[in-house]
N, C-alpha and C. Protein backbone atom coordinates (compact mmCIF):
# COMPACT_ATOMS: atom_id res chain seq x y z
N MET A 1 121.36 62.53 110.50
CA MET A 1 120.78 63.53 109.55
C MET A 1 119.64 64.28 110.28
N ARG A 2 118.79 63.58 111.02
CA ARG A 2 117.65 64.16 111.66
C ARG A 2 118.12 65.20 112.70
N LYS A 3 119.04 64.78 113.55
CA LYS A 3 119.53 65.66 114.58
C LYS A 3 120.28 66.83 113.99
N ASP A 4 121.00 66.54 112.96
CA ASP A 4 121.80 67.64 112.26
C ASP A 4 120.77 68.65 111.64
N LEU A 5 119.70 68.18 111.07
CA LEU A 5 118.68 69.08 110.47
C LEU A 5 118.04 69.93 111.58
N TYR A 6 117.73 69.29 112.73
CA TYR A 6 117.15 70.04 113.84
C TYR A 6 118.08 71.11 114.34
N TYR A 7 119.35 70.77 114.42
CA TYR A 7 120.37 71.73 114.86
C TYR A 7 120.44 72.87 113.92
N ILE A 8 120.45 72.63 112.63
CA ILE A 8 120.51 73.67 111.59
C ILE A 8 119.31 74.59 111.68
N LYS A 9 118.12 73.97 111.86
CA LYS A 9 116.95 74.84 112.05
C LYS A 9 117.01 75.71 113.24
N GLN A 10 117.56 75.22 114.33
CA GLN A 10 117.78 76.07 115.53
C GLN A 10 118.74 77.19 115.22
N LEU A 11 119.81 76.86 114.49
CA LEU A 11 120.83 77.90 114.10
C LEU A 11 120.18 78.98 113.24
N LEU A 12 119.24 78.49 112.27
CA LEU A 12 118.58 79.45 111.44
C LEU A 12 117.66 80.38 112.25
N ASN A 13 116.99 79.83 113.19
CA ASN A 13 116.16 80.72 114.04
C ASN A 13 116.97 81.72 114.80
N LEU A 14 118.17 81.27 115.28
CA LEU A 14 119.05 82.22 116.00
C LEU A 14 119.64 83.22 115.04
N TYR A 15 119.90 82.78 113.82
CA TYR A 15 120.45 83.71 112.82
C TYR A 15 119.45 84.81 112.41
N TYR A 16 118.21 84.40 112.18
CA TYR A 16 117.17 85.36 111.82
C TYR A 16 116.83 86.30 113.00
N GLY A 17 117.06 85.80 114.22
CA GLY A 17 116.83 86.64 115.39
C GLY A 17 118.04 87.52 115.70
N GLY A 18 119.15 87.28 115.07
CA GLY A 18 120.33 88.11 115.27
C GLY A 18 121.19 87.72 116.48
N PHE A 19 121.09 86.42 116.84
CA PHE A 19 121.77 85.97 118.04
C PHE A 19 122.90 84.95 117.76
N THR A 20 123.33 84.83 116.55
CA THR A 20 124.37 83.84 116.22
C THR A 20 125.72 84.46 116.30
N THR A 21 126.75 83.63 116.55
CA THR A 21 128.14 84.08 116.54
C THR A 21 128.70 83.89 115.15
N ARG A 22 129.90 84.39 114.89
CA ARG A 22 130.54 84.22 113.60
C ARG A 22 130.71 82.71 113.30
N GLY A 23 131.10 81.93 114.32
CA GLY A 23 131.31 80.48 114.14
C GLY A 23 130.00 79.81 113.71
N GLN A 24 128.91 80.14 114.34
CA GLN A 24 127.65 79.55 113.98
C GLN A 24 127.18 79.92 112.62
N GLU A 25 127.40 81.19 112.21
CA GLU A 25 127.11 81.58 110.84
C GLU A 25 127.95 80.83 109.85
N ARG A 26 129.22 80.63 110.18
CA ARG A 26 130.08 79.87 109.30
C ARG A 26 129.58 78.42 109.17
N GLU A 27 129.07 77.89 110.27
CA GLU A 27 128.48 76.51 110.25
C GLU A 27 127.33 76.47 109.24
N LEU A 28 126.45 77.45 109.41
CA LEU A 28 125.33 77.53 108.46
C LEU A 28 125.75 77.59 107.02
N MET A 29 126.67 78.48 106.69
CA MET A 29 127.16 78.54 105.30
C MET A 29 127.80 77.22 104.83
N ASP A 30 128.59 76.65 105.68
CA ASP A 30 129.21 75.38 105.29
C ASP A 30 128.16 74.31 105.08
N TYR A 31 127.18 74.22 105.90
CA TYR A 31 126.10 73.18 105.77
C TYR A 31 125.42 73.36 104.42
N PHE A 32 125.01 74.62 104.09
CA PHE A 32 124.22 74.81 102.90
C PHE A 32 125.09 74.75 101.66
N ARG A 33 126.37 75.02 101.74
CA ARG A 33 127.31 74.98 100.60
C ARG A 33 127.60 73.46 100.28
N SER A 34 127.81 72.71 101.33
CA SER A 34 128.22 71.33 101.15
C SER A 34 127.08 70.43 100.59
N GLY A 35 125.90 70.66 101.07
CA GLY A 35 124.77 69.80 100.65
C GLY A 35 124.27 70.11 99.25
N GLN A 36 123.70 69.10 98.64
CA GLN A 36 123.00 69.25 97.33
C GLN A 36 121.66 69.93 97.58
N GLU A 37 121.21 70.60 96.64
CA GLU A 37 119.85 71.27 96.82
C GLU A 37 118.76 70.26 96.97
N SER A 38 118.87 69.07 96.38
CA SER A 38 117.87 68.00 96.44
C SER A 38 117.87 67.41 97.87
N ASP A 39 118.98 67.47 98.65
CA ASP A 39 119.08 66.91 99.94
C ASP A 39 118.39 67.80 101.00
N ILE A 40 118.25 69.01 100.63
CA ILE A 40 117.66 70.05 101.58
C ILE A 40 116.14 70.03 101.47
N PRO A 41 115.46 70.02 102.66
CA PRO A 41 113.96 70.03 102.64
C PRO A 41 113.47 71.26 101.89
N ALA A 42 112.26 71.13 101.30
CA ALA A 42 111.66 72.23 100.57
C ALA A 42 111.47 73.48 101.39
N ASP A 43 111.19 73.34 102.71
CA ASP A 43 110.93 74.52 103.53
C ASP A 43 112.24 75.29 103.81
N MET A 44 113.37 74.68 103.55
CA MET A 44 114.66 75.36 103.83
C MET A 44 115.44 75.75 102.59
N ARG A 45 114.79 75.64 101.42
CA ARG A 45 115.47 76.03 100.20
C ARG A 45 115.73 77.56 100.13
N ALA A 46 114.79 78.34 100.57
CA ALA A 46 115.03 79.76 100.61
C ALA A 46 116.14 80.17 101.58
N ASP A 47 116.19 79.42 102.66
CA ASP A 47 117.32 79.65 103.64
C ASP A 47 118.66 79.32 103.02
N ARG A 48 118.64 78.28 102.19
CA ARG A 48 119.86 77.85 101.52
C ARG A 48 120.32 79.05 100.59
N LEU A 49 119.41 79.57 99.84
CA LEU A 49 119.69 80.60 98.93
C LEU A 49 120.26 81.86 99.65
N VAL A 50 119.70 82.18 100.81
CA VAL A 50 120.20 83.28 101.60
C VAL A 50 121.59 83.04 102.03
N GLN A 51 121.89 81.83 102.52
CA GLN A 51 123.18 81.57 103.06
C GLN A 51 124.28 81.45 101.91
N VAL A 52 123.86 80.92 100.77
CA VAL A 52 124.84 80.79 99.65
C VAL A 52 125.11 82.20 99.13
N CYS A 53 124.13 83.07 99.00
CA CYS A 53 124.36 84.46 98.55
C CYS A 53 125.18 85.20 99.56
N ARG A 54 124.99 84.93 100.84
CA ARG A 54 125.70 85.67 101.88
C ARG A 54 127.18 85.23 101.84
N GLY A 55 127.43 84.02 101.36
CA GLY A 55 128.84 83.62 101.29
C GLY A 55 129.55 83.97 100.00
N ALA A 56 128.82 84.53 99.18
CA ALA A 56 129.35 84.98 97.84
C ALA A 56 130.34 86.17 98.09
N ASP A 57 130.91 86.71 97.04
CA ASP A 57 131.85 87.77 97.12
C ASP A 57 131.27 88.98 97.88
N PRO A 58 131.88 89.33 98.96
CA PRO A 58 131.31 90.39 99.83
C PRO A 58 131.65 91.78 99.30
N LYS A 59 132.41 91.89 98.23
CA LYS A 59 132.76 93.19 97.78
C LYS A 59 131.61 93.85 97.15
N ILE A 60 131.26 95.10 97.58
CA ILE A 60 130.17 95.85 97.10
C ILE A 60 130.66 96.91 96.17
N VAL A 61 130.13 97.02 95.00
CA VAL A 61 130.52 98.01 94.03
C VAL A 61 129.51 99.15 94.06
N VAL A 62 130.02 100.30 94.38
CA VAL A 62 129.19 101.54 94.41
C VAL A 62 129.28 102.20 93.03
N PRO A 63 128.17 102.41 92.38
CA PRO A 63 128.18 103.05 91.10
C PRO A 63 128.86 104.45 91.19
N SER A 64 129.56 104.83 90.13
CA SER A 64 130.26 106.12 90.15
C SER A 64 129.34 107.32 90.13
N ALA A 65 128.13 107.18 89.59
CA ALA A 65 127.25 108.29 89.49
C ALA A 65 126.22 108.35 90.67
N LEU A 66 126.50 107.52 91.72
CA LEU A 66 125.60 107.49 92.79
C LEU A 66 125.50 108.82 93.58
N ARG A 67 126.65 109.45 93.75
CA ARG A 67 126.66 110.72 94.53
C ARG A 67 125.77 111.78 93.71
N GLU A 68 125.93 111.87 92.43
CA GLU A 68 125.15 112.82 91.66
C GLU A 68 123.60 112.45 91.75
N GLN A 69 123.34 111.11 91.66
CA GLN A 69 121.95 110.68 91.73
C GLN A 69 121.32 110.99 93.04
N LEU A 70 122.06 110.72 94.14
CA LEU A 70 121.54 111.03 95.46
C LEU A 70 121.39 112.53 95.70
N SER A 71 122.30 113.35 95.18
CA SER A 71 122.21 114.77 95.29
C SER A 71 120.96 115.27 94.58
N ALA A 72 120.79 114.79 93.33
CA ALA A 72 119.58 115.19 92.60
C ALA A 72 118.32 114.77 93.26
N HIS A 73 118.25 113.59 93.87
CA HIS A 73 117.07 113.14 94.55
C HIS A 73 116.80 113.98 95.75
N ILE A 74 117.86 114.33 96.50
CA ILE A 74 117.66 115.21 97.70
C ILE A 74 117.17 116.55 97.34
N ASP A 75 117.73 117.12 96.21
CA ASP A 75 117.29 118.44 95.71
C ASP A 75 115.80 118.34 95.27
N MET A 76 115.39 117.27 94.64
CA MET A 76 114.03 117.13 94.20
C MET A 76 113.09 117.05 95.45
N LEU A 77 113.51 116.34 96.50
CA LEU A 77 112.72 116.23 97.72
C LEU A 77 112.61 117.61 98.37
N ASP A 78 113.65 118.39 98.32
CA ASP A 78 113.65 119.74 98.89
C ASP A 78 112.71 120.62 98.19
N ARG A 79 112.72 120.53 96.79
CA ARG A 79 111.81 121.39 96.00
C ARG A 79 110.39 120.94 96.28
N ARG A 80 110.08 119.67 96.34
CA ARG A 80 108.75 119.23 96.71
C ARG A 80 108.27 119.72 98.07
N GLU A 81 109.16 119.72 99.04
CA GLU A 81 108.84 120.23 100.41
C GLU A 81 108.55 121.71 100.34
N ARG A 82 109.34 122.52 99.56
CA ARG A 82 109.12 123.93 99.48
C ARG A 82 107.73 124.22 98.76
N ARG A 83 107.52 123.42 97.70
CA ARG A 83 106.28 123.61 96.97
C ARG A 83 105.05 123.23 97.84
N GLY A 84 105.23 122.23 98.63
CA GLY A 84 104.19 121.85 99.63
C GLY A 84 103.93 122.91 100.62
N ARG A 85 104.97 123.56 101.14
CA ARG A 85 104.82 124.67 102.08
C ARG A 85 104.15 125.84 101.39
N ARG A 86 104.42 126.13 100.09
CA ARG A 86 103.79 127.16 99.41
C ARG A 86 102.28 126.84 99.23
N GLY A 87 102.00 125.58 98.89
CA GLY A 87 100.61 125.14 98.73
C GLY A 87 99.84 125.24 100.00
N ARG A 88 100.49 124.90 101.14
CA ARG A 88 99.77 125.03 102.43
C ARG A 88 99.50 126.49 102.78
N ARG A 89 100.55 127.39 102.45
CA ARG A 89 100.27 128.80 102.68
C ARG A 89 99.11 129.28 101.79
N LEU A 90 99.14 128.82 100.57
CA LEU A 90 98.02 129.24 99.68
C LEU A 90 96.70 128.79 100.24
N MET A 91 96.65 127.59 100.78
CA MET A 91 95.43 127.07 101.35
C MET A 91 94.99 127.93 102.60
N VAL A 92 95.96 128.32 103.35
CA VAL A 92 95.67 129.17 104.56
C VAL A 92 95.08 130.51 104.08
N TRP A 93 95.67 131.10 103.10
CA TRP A 93 95.19 132.40 102.60
C TRP A 93 93.81 132.26 102.03
N ALA A 94 93.59 131.18 101.24
CA ALA A 94 92.26 130.90 100.68
C ALA A 94 91.21 130.71 101.77
N SER A 95 91.62 130.05 102.83
CA SER A 95 90.68 129.78 103.94
C SER A 95 90.35 131.11 104.64
N VAL A 96 91.35 131.95 104.84
CA VAL A 96 91.10 133.30 105.43
C VAL A 96 90.15 134.08 104.53
N ALA A 97 90.41 134.11 103.22
CA ALA A 97 89.59 134.84 102.33
C ALA A 97 88.16 134.33 102.31
N ALA A 98 87.97 132.99 102.31
CA ALA A 98 86.67 132.43 102.40
C ALA A 98 85.96 132.81 103.70
N SER A 99 86.64 132.79 104.79
CA SER A 99 86.06 133.11 106.07
C SER A 99 85.65 134.62 106.04
N LEU A 100 86.44 135.48 105.51
CA LEU A 100 86.06 136.88 105.39
C LEU A 100 84.83 137.07 104.50
N ALA A 101 84.79 136.34 103.39
CA ALA A 101 83.61 136.43 102.53
C ALA A 101 82.35 135.98 103.22
N ILE A 102 82.49 134.91 104.02
CA ILE A 102 81.28 134.43 104.76
C ILE A 102 80.87 135.49 105.75
N LEU A 103 81.82 136.07 106.49
CA LEU A 103 81.48 137.11 107.45
C LEU A 103 80.83 138.32 106.82
N VAL A 104 81.38 138.78 105.66
CA VAL A 104 80.79 139.94 105.02
C VAL A 104 79.36 139.59 104.54
N THR A 105 79.17 138.38 103.99
CA THR A 105 77.85 137.98 103.50
C THR A 105 76.81 137.90 104.65
N VAL A 106 77.28 137.31 105.75
CA VAL A 106 76.36 137.26 106.93
C VAL A 106 76.05 138.67 107.46
N GLY A 107 77.05 139.57 107.48
CA GLY A 107 76.86 140.92 107.93
C GLY A 107 75.86 141.64 107.02
N VAL A 108 76.05 141.53 105.75
CA VAL A 108 75.10 142.16 104.76
C VAL A 108 73.72 141.58 104.95
N PHE A 109 73.65 140.32 105.11
CA PHE A 109 72.31 139.69 105.28
C PHE A 109 71.61 140.18 106.50
N LEU A 110 72.37 140.25 107.63
CA LEU A 110 71.77 140.78 108.87
C LEU A 110 71.32 142.19 108.75
N ILE A 111 72.13 143.05 108.13
CA ILE A 111 71.80 144.43 107.97
C ILE A 111 70.54 144.54 107.09
N LYS A 112 70.48 143.76 106.02
CA LYS A 112 69.35 143.80 105.11
C LYS A 112 68.05 143.29 105.80
N GLU A 113 68.24 142.20 106.62
CA GLU A 113 67.08 141.67 107.33
C GLU A 113 66.59 142.63 108.38
N SER A 114 67.48 143.35 109.03
CA SER A 114 67.07 144.24 110.12
C SER A 114 66.24 145.40 109.52
N SER A 115 66.47 145.79 108.31
CA SER A 115 65.73 146.85 107.64
C SER A 115 64.43 146.40 107.11
N VAL A 116 64.27 145.12 106.79
CA VAL A 116 63.05 144.56 106.31
C VAL A 116 62.20 144.14 107.45
N ALA A 117 60.90 144.40 107.43
CA ALA A 117 60.04 143.96 108.51
C ALA A 117 60.01 142.44 108.59
N SER A 118 60.16 141.98 109.79
CA SER A 118 60.19 140.49 109.97
C SER A 118 58.74 139.99 109.85
N TYR A 119 58.63 138.74 109.45
CA TYR A 119 57.29 138.10 109.34
C TYR A 119 57.39 136.75 109.96
N GLU A 120 56.22 136.28 110.40
CA GLU A 120 56.13 134.98 111.03
C GLU A 120 55.19 134.12 110.23
N LEU A 121 55.62 132.86 110.03
CA LEU A 121 54.73 131.93 109.27
C LEU A 121 53.90 131.15 110.30
N THR A 122 52.60 131.13 110.12
CA THR A 122 51.77 130.44 111.02
C THR A 122 51.14 129.22 110.31
N ASP A 123 51.11 129.23 109.06
CA ASP A 123 50.52 128.09 108.25
C ASP A 123 51.61 127.08 108.09
N PRO A 124 51.41 125.79 108.53
CA PRO A 124 52.46 124.76 108.36
C PRO A 124 52.81 124.47 106.92
N GLN A 125 51.83 124.49 106.00
CA GLN A 125 52.07 124.21 104.60
C GLN A 125 52.93 125.28 103.99
N GLU A 126 52.65 126.54 104.37
CA GLU A 126 53.45 127.65 103.85
C GLU A 126 54.92 127.58 104.40
N ALA A 127 54.99 127.17 105.69
CA ALA A 127 56.33 127.03 106.29
C ALA A 127 57.07 125.92 105.59
N GLN A 128 56.42 124.77 105.30
CA GLN A 128 57.08 123.69 104.60
C GLN A 128 57.59 124.09 103.22
N ALA A 129 56.75 124.89 102.48
CA ALA A 129 57.10 125.36 101.17
C ALA A 129 58.35 126.26 101.23
N GLU A 130 58.36 127.18 102.27
CA GLU A 130 59.49 128.07 102.47
C GLU A 130 60.77 127.27 102.81
N ALA A 131 60.61 126.28 103.69
CA ALA A 131 61.78 125.42 104.02
C ALA A 131 62.27 124.65 102.83
N GLN A 132 61.36 124.15 102.00
CA GLN A 132 61.82 123.41 100.75
C GLN A 132 62.54 124.33 99.82
N ARG A 133 62.06 125.53 99.64
CA ARG A 133 62.70 126.51 98.80
C ARG A 133 64.13 126.86 99.32
N ALA A 134 64.21 126.99 100.62
CA ALA A 134 65.49 127.31 101.27
C ALA A 134 66.46 126.15 101.07
N LEU A 135 65.99 124.93 101.30
CA LEU A 135 66.87 123.75 101.12
C LEU A 135 67.28 123.54 99.70
N LEU A 136 66.39 123.77 98.77
CA LEU A 136 66.76 123.68 97.35
C LEU A 136 67.86 124.71 97.00
N LEU A 137 67.70 125.96 97.51
CA LEU A 137 68.67 126.99 97.26
C LEU A 137 70.08 126.60 97.88
N VAL A 138 70.04 126.03 99.06
CA VAL A 138 71.29 125.64 99.70
C VAL A 138 71.92 124.41 98.87
N SER A 139 71.06 123.55 98.40
CA SER A 139 71.54 122.39 97.62
C SER A 139 72.18 122.85 96.34
N GLU A 140 71.53 123.80 95.68
CA GLU A 140 72.11 124.32 94.41
C GLU A 140 73.45 125.02 94.66
N CYS A 141 73.48 125.84 95.76
CA CYS A 141 74.75 126.48 96.03
C CYS A 141 75.86 125.51 96.35
N LEU A 142 75.56 124.47 97.07
CA LEU A 142 76.59 123.45 97.45
C LEU A 142 77.03 122.71 96.14
N ASN A 143 76.10 122.43 95.26
CA ASN A 143 76.48 121.72 93.97
C ASN A 143 77.40 122.60 93.14
N LYS A 144 77.06 123.95 93.13
CA LYS A 144 77.89 124.86 92.37
C LYS A 144 79.26 124.96 92.98
N ALA A 145 79.34 124.99 94.34
CA ALA A 145 80.61 125.02 95.04
C ALA A 145 81.42 123.78 94.78
N ASP A 146 80.75 122.64 94.74
CA ASP A 146 81.42 121.39 94.49
C ASP A 146 82.02 121.32 93.07
N SER A 147 81.30 121.92 92.10
CA SER A 147 81.82 121.93 90.72
C SER A 147 82.96 122.89 90.63
N LYS A 148 82.92 124.06 91.41
CA LYS A 148 83.98 124.98 91.36
C LYS A 148 85.24 124.42 92.03
N VAL A 149 85.05 123.60 93.10
CA VAL A 149 86.20 122.93 93.76
C VAL A 149 86.83 121.96 92.74
N ALA A 150 86.00 121.23 92.01
CA ALA A 150 86.62 120.29 91.03
C ALA A 150 87.36 121.07 89.97
N GLU A 151 86.77 122.18 89.53
CA GLU A 151 87.43 123.10 88.54
C GLU A 151 88.76 123.62 89.07
N THR A 152 88.76 124.03 90.33
CA THR A 152 90.00 124.57 90.94
C THR A 152 91.04 123.44 91.06
N ASP A 153 90.62 122.27 91.46
CA ASP A 153 91.57 121.14 91.58
C ASP A 153 92.20 120.86 90.23
N MET A 154 91.40 120.87 89.16
CA MET A 154 91.92 120.61 87.80
C MET A 154 92.92 121.70 87.42
N LEU A 155 92.58 122.93 87.74
CA LEU A 155 93.49 124.06 87.44
C LEU A 155 94.79 123.93 88.20
N LEU A 156 94.68 123.58 89.50
CA LEU A 156 95.87 123.44 90.30
C LEU A 156 96.77 122.29 89.80
N GLU A 157 96.15 121.20 89.36
CA GLU A 157 96.90 120.11 88.80
C GLU A 157 97.64 120.53 87.50
N ARG A 158 96.99 121.33 86.66
CA ARG A 158 97.66 121.86 85.47
C ARG A 158 98.83 122.77 85.82
N LEU A 159 98.72 123.49 86.92
CA LEU A 159 99.78 124.40 87.33
C LEU A 159 100.95 123.64 88.05
N GLY A 160 100.72 122.33 88.32
CA GLY A 160 101.74 121.54 88.85
C GLY A 160 101.69 121.39 90.38
N PHE A 161 100.63 121.68 91.01
CA PHE A 161 100.49 121.56 92.45
C PHE A 161 100.22 120.11 92.73
N ASP A 162 100.79 119.57 93.80
CA ASP A 162 100.59 118.17 94.19
C ASP A 162 99.43 118.20 95.24
N LEU A 163 98.28 117.85 94.75
CA LEU A 163 97.06 117.91 95.62
C LEU A 163 97.02 116.78 96.65
N THR A 164 97.91 115.76 96.49
CA THR A 164 97.90 114.66 97.47
C THR A 164 98.47 115.18 98.81
N LEU A 165 99.17 116.29 98.81
CA LEU A 165 99.69 116.80 100.10
C LEU A 165 98.60 117.27 101.02
N PHE A 166 97.39 117.60 100.43
CA PHE A 166 96.32 118.12 101.25
C PHE A 166 95.26 117.09 101.52
N GLU A 167 95.33 115.90 101.03
CA GLU A 167 94.26 114.90 101.17
C GLU A 167 94.13 114.51 102.62
N ASP A 168 95.23 114.41 103.41
CA ASP A 168 95.05 113.97 104.78
C ASP A 168 94.56 115.07 105.70
N GLU A 169 94.61 116.34 105.21
CA GLU A 169 94.12 117.44 106.02
C GLU A 169 92.66 117.69 105.80
N MET A 170 92.05 117.18 104.75
CA MET A 170 90.64 117.43 104.40
C MET A 170 89.80 116.43 105.15
N ASP A 171 88.60 116.88 105.52
CA ASP A 171 87.68 116.02 106.23
C ASP A 171 86.34 116.05 105.46
N ASP A 172 86.02 114.98 104.75
CA ASP A 172 84.76 114.94 103.99
C ASP A 172 83.74 114.16 104.74
N SER A 173 83.81 114.10 106.06
CA SER A 173 82.81 113.31 106.81
C SER A 173 81.46 113.81 106.71
N LEU A 174 81.20 115.08 106.34
CA LEU A 174 79.85 115.57 106.18
C LEU A 174 79.26 115.13 104.88
N MET A 175 80.11 114.68 103.96
CA MET A 175 79.59 114.25 102.66
C MET A 175 79.51 112.78 102.51
N GLN A 176 79.45 112.02 103.62
CA GLN A 176 79.39 110.59 103.60
C GLN A 176 78.05 110.17 104.23
N ASP A 177 77.45 109.10 103.68
CA ASP A 177 76.26 108.61 104.29
C ASP A 177 76.55 107.66 105.42
N CYS A 178 75.57 107.04 106.02
CA CYS A 178 75.82 106.18 107.23
C CYS A 178 76.67 104.97 106.94
N ASN A 179 76.81 104.58 105.66
CA ASN A 179 77.66 103.43 105.30
C ASN A 179 79.08 103.88 105.03
N GLY A 180 79.33 105.17 105.07
CA GLY A 180 80.72 105.69 104.85
C GLY A 180 81.02 105.90 103.42
N THR A 181 80.03 105.81 102.51
CA THR A 181 80.30 106.03 101.10
C THR A 181 80.01 107.49 100.77
N PHE A 182 80.73 107.98 99.82
CA PHE A 182 80.68 109.39 99.43
C PHE A 182 79.41 109.63 98.56
N SER A 183 78.68 110.63 98.93
CA SER A 183 77.57 111.04 98.04
C SER A 183 77.95 112.35 97.39
N GLY A 184 78.13 112.20 96.05
CA GLY A 184 78.67 113.26 95.29
C GLY A 184 77.71 114.44 95.03
N GLU A 185 76.43 114.27 95.10
CA GLU A 185 75.47 115.31 94.83
C GLU A 185 74.71 115.64 96.12
N PHE A 186 74.40 116.90 96.31
CA PHE A 186 73.49 117.32 97.41
C PHE A 186 72.09 117.17 96.90
N THR A 187 71.18 116.65 97.66
CA THR A 187 69.82 116.52 97.17
C THR A 187 68.87 117.13 98.14
N ASP A 188 67.66 117.22 97.76
CA ASP A 188 66.56 117.76 98.59
C ASP A 188 66.31 116.76 99.67
N THR A 189 66.42 117.16 100.93
CA THR A 189 66.29 116.22 102.05
C THR A 189 64.85 116.10 102.46
N ILE A 190 63.95 116.90 101.93
CA ILE A 190 62.56 116.81 102.38
C ILE A 190 61.80 115.71 101.66
N GLY A 191 62.30 115.40 100.46
CA GLY A 191 61.69 114.31 99.70
C GLY A 191 60.69 114.80 98.65
N VAL A 192 60.83 116.04 98.20
CA VAL A 192 59.94 116.55 97.19
C VAL A 192 60.46 116.28 95.85
């Protein structure tokens, strides 16, 4: 029995590796069919189930509606792909529009600044106050932009866009602290 068990375990290893012949596979099925379940070691009971099921009726019944179900599933995948392409195109156009808006804003700002007499801050406290005001303004703008993005995401979800298609393309590394956790609010970095 011990040598027989060792031989069966070797055959199982060969079977799971895909190296058995038809005769060896038949040996495995015969061994597991002939023995009682209580005679088989606990670590080989799952193997017995595999071999017994493998030796069952090999006739496979294909459901009659399988063709229609597969066709409907393929059509659904095609629609999802087309919708994803439309969403990517929409994102490209939105990116182009945002870039143009930034360029126009910078251009207007530069033209406005060139007409206004430039000034230089020499007092450190006054410079710090100006820097704090500028950072607070940037922080408020970023918070507003973040809320608009959340609003837009909610709107796109209502319209049926699958936003998970764009998650791998987005990089939120600028909005993570040194531990890798997301910081949802922009705050004053000077500490006031």
